[in-house]
Amino acid sequence: MASWNPGQYMKFGSDRLRPALDLMAQIPLEAPSSIIDLGCGPGNVTDLLAQRWPNAVVTGLDGSVDMLKQAQDTYDNISWQVGDVRTWVPSSPVDLIFSNACLHWLDSHEVLFPRLFDQLKPGGVMAIQMPNNFASPTHQLIRDCLDTIGRGDLAPRYPVQTSEFYYDVLRSECVSLNIWETRYLHVLEGENPVFNWTKGAALRPVLDGLKSEQDRDKFLEKYANAIEQTYEKRADGKTLLPFKRFFLTAVKN
């Protein structure tokens, strides 16, 4: 499990929040009684779920103790649990399974997605958002820079599949299935902001795998320089980061 720094992750909190809000807007439930936020991170999205459905029992689950500590310190009206999404099973089926920017870290979606879907009540909803920009320079340059220091074995592999894949995996158990993709254009400020963005998420397992401080420093220097050259500042001093994301809402039979 990668280590997570809540402060680094939340440097771009408003940009990271928008996809979660877009996903929430498409959830076809009026009054769910039980909600689980899988991979809840620092809890800011979980709190929004609790605000939208104030009568629901809302639980946030994450594998990062540091993330959950921030969540617990900030939001005291939600139940927080340390756990593994891959093995999570509720004490009883739930109305809403929500997961924002988590499941792309986990393998075997042909098994994982149906297993999670089975934890819903009839009429319950599974709502998923995952990054799907792994062909972009932010991720391709990770592999390239790792190769230059002889650590290509640490290059992340992402299991996100095509929209048709998820349709085929879930359709037989659904009343309705809504799948779409959105390409955001984030307008970022500061010095080398795309590097700082990636450092808060995609680089975490890579940095954990680089046990040698020398290798870590070499990689970060090469990657930071490559990203800065690729994502140049515009005339107004801002930096643009195109970012594609995958969305899914599925209603259980």
Protein backbone atom coordinates (compact mmCIF):
# COMPACT_ATOMS: atom_id res chain seq x y z
CA MET A 1 0.00 0.00 0.00
CA ALA A 2 1.47 3.38 -1.02
CA SER A 3 2.03 6.02 1.63
CA TRP A 4 -0.09 9.14 1.27
CA ASN A 5 0.52 12.73 2.29
CA PRO A 6 -2.84 14.49 2.80
CA GLY A 7 -1.24 17.94 2.55
CA GLN A 8 0.43 17.20 -0.79
CA TYR A 9 -2.74 15.61 -2.15
CA MET A 10 -4.95 18.54 -1.13
CA LYS A 11 -2.73 21.22 -2.69
CA PHE A 12 -5.09 20.96 -5.66
CA GLY A 13 -8.17 20.17 -3.61
CA SER A 14 -10.68 22.14 -5.67
CA ASP A 15 -9.48 20.63 -8.96
CA ARG A 16 -9.55 17.11 -7.52
CA LEU A 17 -13.01 17.76 -6.05
CA ARG A 18 -14.80 18.63 -9.28
CA PRO A 19 -15.00 15.07 -10.70
CA ALA A 20 -16.47 13.85 -7.41
CA LEU A 21 -19.16 16.53 -7.60
CA ASP A 22 -19.87 15.63 -11.23
CA LEU A 23 -20.28 12.00 -10.20
CA MET A 24 -22.54 12.85 -7.26
CA ALA A 25 -24.82 14.84 -9.58
CA GLN A 26 -25.59 11.67 -11.56
CA ILE A 27 -26.52 9.40 -8.62
CA PRO A 28 -30.23 8.47 -8.99
CA LEU A 29 -31.06 8.09 -5.29
CA GLU A 30 -33.35 10.31 -3.24
CA ALA A 31 -32.93 9.02 0.30
CA PRO A 32 -30.31 6.28 0.77
CA SER A 33 -30.02 5.04 4.35
CA SER A 34 -26.49 3.62 4.11
CA ILE A 35 -23.51 4.99 2.16
CA ILE A 36 -19.91 3.78 1.92
CA ASP A 37 -17.14 5.91 0.42
CA LEU A 38 -14.40 3.52 -0.69
CA GLY A 39 -10.95 5.10 -0.76
CA CYS A 40 -12.25 8.16 1.05
CA GLY A 41 -8.83 9.80 1.53
CA PRO A 42 -8.94 12.94 3.69
CA GLY A 43 -12.74 12.76 3.90
CA ASN A 44 -13.73 15.98 2.13
CA VAL A 45 -15.85 14.13 -0.45
CA THR A 46 -17.33 11.83 2.21
CA ASP A 47 -18.49 14.93 4.07
CA LEU A 48 -20.25 16.16 0.94
CA LEU A 49 -22.07 12.84 0.69
CA ALA A 50 -23.19 13.27 4.30
CA GLN A 51 -24.37 16.81 3.58
CA ARG A 52 -26.37 15.74 0.52
CA TRP A 53 -28.02 12.84 2.38
CA PRO A 54 -28.07 13.98 6.03
CA ASN A 55 -30.30 11.10 7.20
CA ALA A 56 -27.97 8.40 5.87
CA VAL A 57 -25.38 6.48 7.86
CA VAL A 58 -22.17 7.42 6.05
CA THR A 59 -18.91 5.49 6.35
CA GLY A 60 -15.52 6.33 4.87
CA LEU A 61 -13.03 3.52 4.27
CA ASP A 62 -9.38 3.91 3.33
CA GLY A 63 -6.13 2.01 3.63
CA SER A 64 -4.09 5.07 4.63
CA VAL A 65 -3.92 5.76 8.35
CA ASP A 66 -2.58 9.26 7.66
CA MET A 67 -5.48 10.12 5.39
CA LEU A 68 -8.02 8.79 7.88
CA LYS A 69 -6.43 10.69 10.74
CA GLN A 70 -7.01 13.94 8.87
CA ALA A 71 -10.57 12.85 8.09
CA GLN A 72 -11.28 12.02 11.73
CA ASP A 73 -9.77 15.29 12.93
CA THR A 74 -11.89 17.31 10.49
CA TYR A 75 -15.25 15.53 10.31
CA ASP A 76 -16.77 14.02 13.45
CA ASN A 77 -20.20 13.10 12.04
CA ILE A 78 -18.94 10.21 9.90
CA SER A 79 -17.73 6.70 10.74
CA TRP A 80 -14.14 6.16 9.55
CA GLN A 81 -12.65 2.71 8.95
CA VAL A 82 -9.17 1.50 8.04
CA GLY A 83 -9.62 -1.26 5.50
CA ASP A 84 -8.80 -2.80 2.14
CA VAL A 85 -11.30 -2.13 -0.65
CA ARG A 86 -10.41 -5.48 -2.22
CA THR A 87 -11.73 -7.42 0.77
CA TRP A 88 -14.33 -5.01 2.15
CA VAL A 89 -17.69 -6.57 3.00
CA PRO A 90 -20.38 -4.61 4.90
CA SER A 91 -22.29 -6.09 7.81
CA SER A 92 -25.39 -5.75 5.63
CA PRO A 93 -25.95 -4.58 2.03
CA VAL A 94 -25.78 -0.82 1.45
CA ASP A 95 -27.72 1.67 -0.68
CA LEU A 96 -24.79 3.52 -2.19
CA ILE A 97 -21.22 2.48 -2.93
CA PHE A 98 -19.26 5.58 -3.90
CA SER A 99 -15.63 5.60 -4.98
CA ASN A 100 -13.75 8.62 -6.29
CA ALA A 101 -10.23 8.17 -7.72
CA CYS A 102 -9.47 4.91 -5.92
CA LEU A 103 -10.22 1.78 -7.93
CA HIS A 104 -7.61 2.49 -10.63
CA TRP A 105 -5.00 1.44 -8.04
CA LEU A 106 -6.51 -2.06 -7.76
CA ASP A 107 -6.13 -5.02 -10.14
CA SER A 108 -8.60 -7.54 -11.58
CA HIS A 109 -11.58 -5.29 -12.28
CA GLU A 110 -13.41 -8.21 -13.86
CA VAL A 111 -13.58 -9.66 -10.33
CA LEU A 112 -13.52 -6.51 -8.20
CA PHE A 113 -16.42 -4.63 -9.78
CA PRO A 114 -18.97 -7.49 -9.63
CA ARG A 115 -17.87 -8.29 -6.06
CA LEU A 116 -18.47 -4.71 -4.95
CA PHE A 117 -21.75 -4.59 -6.85
CA ASP A 118 -22.93 -7.65 -4.92
CA GLN A 119 -22.72 -5.63 -1.68
CA LEU A 120 -25.64 -3.41 -2.76
CA LYS A 121 -29.28 -3.69 -1.78
CA PRO A 122 -31.73 -4.17 -4.66
CA GLY A 123 -32.15 -0.73 -6.21
CA GLY A 124 -28.83 0.37 -4.76
CA VAL A 125 -26.26 2.34 -6.76
CA MET A 126 -22.55 1.92 -7.37
CA ALA A 127 -20.95 5.22 -8.46
CA ILE A 128 -17.32 5.16 -9.62
CA GLN A 129 -14.85 7.74 -10.90
CA MET A 130 -11.34 6.80 -12.01
CA PRO A 131 -8.54 8.73 -13.72
CA ASN A 132 -8.04 7.50 -17.27
CA ASN A 133 -5.18 9.63 -18.54
CA PHE A 134 -2.44 7.03 -18.33
CA ALA A 135 -1.31 7.61 -21.90
CA SER A 136 -0.55 11.27 -21.11
CA PRO A 137 2.97 12.63 -20.49
CA THR A 138 2.36 12.80 -16.72
CA HIS A 139 2.37 9.01 -16.64
CA GLN A 140 4.53 8.12 -19.64
CA LEU A 141 7.37 10.23 -18.27
CA ILE A 142 7.29 8.24 -15.03
CA ARG A 143 8.29 5.14 -16.97
CA ASP A 144 10.85 6.99 -19.08
CA CYS A 145 12.59 8.53 -16.04
CA LEU A 146 12.58 5.25 -14.14
CA ASP A 147 14.24 3.59 -17.13
CA THR A 148 17.08 6.11 -17.02
CA ILE A 149 18.00 5.06 -13.48
CA GLY A 150 17.54 1.36 -14.18
CA ARG A 151 14.30 1.00 -12.22
CA GLY A 152 11.77 0.47 -14.97
CA ASP A 153 10.41 -2.40 -12.88
CA LEU A 154 8.71 0.21 -10.67
CA ALA A 155 6.71 1.76 -13.52
CA PRO A 156 3.03 1.70 -12.47
CA ARG A 157 0.59 -0.50 -14.34
CA TYR A 158 -2.99 0.71 -14.35
CA PRO A 159 -5.88 -1.72 -14.75
CA VAL A 160 -8.52 0.70 -16.09
CA GLN A 161 -10.25 -0.90 -19.07
CA THR A 162 -12.50 0.33 -21.88
CA SER A 163 -16.06 1.49 -21.31
CA GLU A 164 -17.24 -1.59 -23.19
CA PHE A 165 -15.39 -3.80 -20.69
CA TYR A 166 -17.32 -2.36 -17.73
CA TYR A 167 -20.58 -2.58 -19.65
CA ASP A 168 -20.03 -6.28 -20.26
CA VAL A 169 -18.94 -6.96 -16.67
CA LEU A 170 -21.95 -5.30 -15.01
CA ARG A 171 -24.84 -5.11 -17.47
CA SER A 172 -26.60 -8.37 -16.62
CA GLU A 173 -27.10 -7.32 -12.98
CA CYS A 174 -28.22 -3.73 -13.64
CA VAL A 175 -31.52 -1.96 -13.99
CA SER A 176 -29.57 0.86 -15.59
CA LEU A 177 -25.91 1.49 -16.37
CA ASN A 178 -24.51 4.91 -17.21
CA ILE A 179 -20.89 5.19 -18.41
CA TRP A 180 -19.13 8.32 -19.65
CA GLU A 181 -15.76 10.05 -19.89
CA THR A 182 -14.85 13.69 -19.31
CA ARG A 183 -11.69 15.52 -20.30
CA TYR A 184 -10.98 18.30 -17.82
CA LEU A 185 -8.58 21.16 -18.44
CA HIS A 186 -7.09 22.15 -15.11
CA VAL A 187 -5.60 25.65 -14.94
CA LEU A 188 -2.76 25.46 -12.43
CA GLU A 189 -0.60 28.10 -10.79
CA GLY A 190 2.87 28.12 -9.27
CA GLU A 191 6.24 26.69 -10.20
CA ASN A 192 6.07 23.34 -12.00
CA PRO A 193 2.52 22.68 -10.75
CA VAL A 194 1.98 19.53 -12.84
CA PHE A 195 4.93 17.93 -11.07
CA ASN A 196 3.41 18.84 -7.71
CA TRP A 197 0.03 17.51 -8.84
CA THR A 198 1.51 14.16 -9.84
CA LYS A 199 3.65 14.02 -6.70
CA GLY A 200 0.46 14.01 -4.65
CA ALA A 201 -0.97 10.89 -6.30
CA ALA A 202 0.61 8.96 -9.20
CA LEU A 203 4.17 9.21 -7.85
CA ARG A 204 3.36 7.84 -4.38
CA PRO A 205 3.91 4.11 -5.11
CA VAL A 206 6.99 4.93 -7.19
CA LEU A 207 8.60 6.93 -4.40
CA ASP A 208 7.75 4.19 -1.90
CA GLY A 209 9.45 1.65 -4.17
CA LEU A 210 12.65 3.68 -4.49
CA LYS A 211 14.26 2.67 -1.22
CA SER A 212 17.57 4.34 -2.08
CA GLU A 213 17.54 8.06 -1.31
CA GLN A 214 20.00 8.59 -4.15
CA ASP A 215 17.71 6.85 -6.65
CA ARG A 216 14.74 8.81 -5.33
CA ASP A 217 16.52 12.13 -5.73
CA LYS A 218 17.75 11.26 -9.23
CA PHE A 219 14.30 10.20 -10.33
CA LEU A 220 12.57 13.28 -8.90
CA GLU A 221 15.07 15.61 -10.54
CA LYS A 222 14.71 13.96 -13.94
CA TYR A 223 10.94 13.75 -13.72
CA ALA A 224 10.49 17.32 -12.48
CA ASN A 225 12.64 18.66 -15.34
CA ALA A 226 10.85 16.55 -17.95
CA ILE A 227 7.41 17.61 -16.73
CA GLU A 228 8.36 21.30 -16.62
CA GLN A 229 9.58 21.13 -20.22
CA THR A 230 6.46 19.29 -21.37
CA TYR A 231 3.85 21.39 -19.55
CA GLU A 232 5.08 24.92 -20.20
CA LYS A 233 3.56 28.04 -18.73
CA ARG A 234 1.14 29.97 -20.90
CA ALA A 235 1.51 33.66 -21.64
CA ASP A 236 -0.46 34.52 -18.49
CA GLY A 237 1.82 32.43 -16.27
CA LYS A 238 -0.69 29.58 -15.80
CA THR A 239 -0.04 25.93 -16.68
CA LEU A 240 -2.68 23.76 -18.35
CA LEU A 241 -3.16 20.11 -17.42
CA PRO A 242 -5.56 18.11 -19.61
CA PHE A 243 -6.93 15.21 -17.59
CA LYS A 244 -9.33 12.48 -18.75
CA ARG A 245 -11.55 10.63 -16.27
CA PHE A 246 -13.91 7.65 -16.41
CA PHE A 247 -17.34 7.65 -14.72
CA LEU A 248 -19.90 4.94 -14.02
CA THR A 249 -23.21 4.71 -12.20
CA ALA A 250 -24.94 1.34 -12.00
CA VAL A 251 -28.33 0.56 -10.40
CA LYS A 252 -28.78 -2.99 -9.11
CA ASN A 253 -31.71 -5.19 -10.07
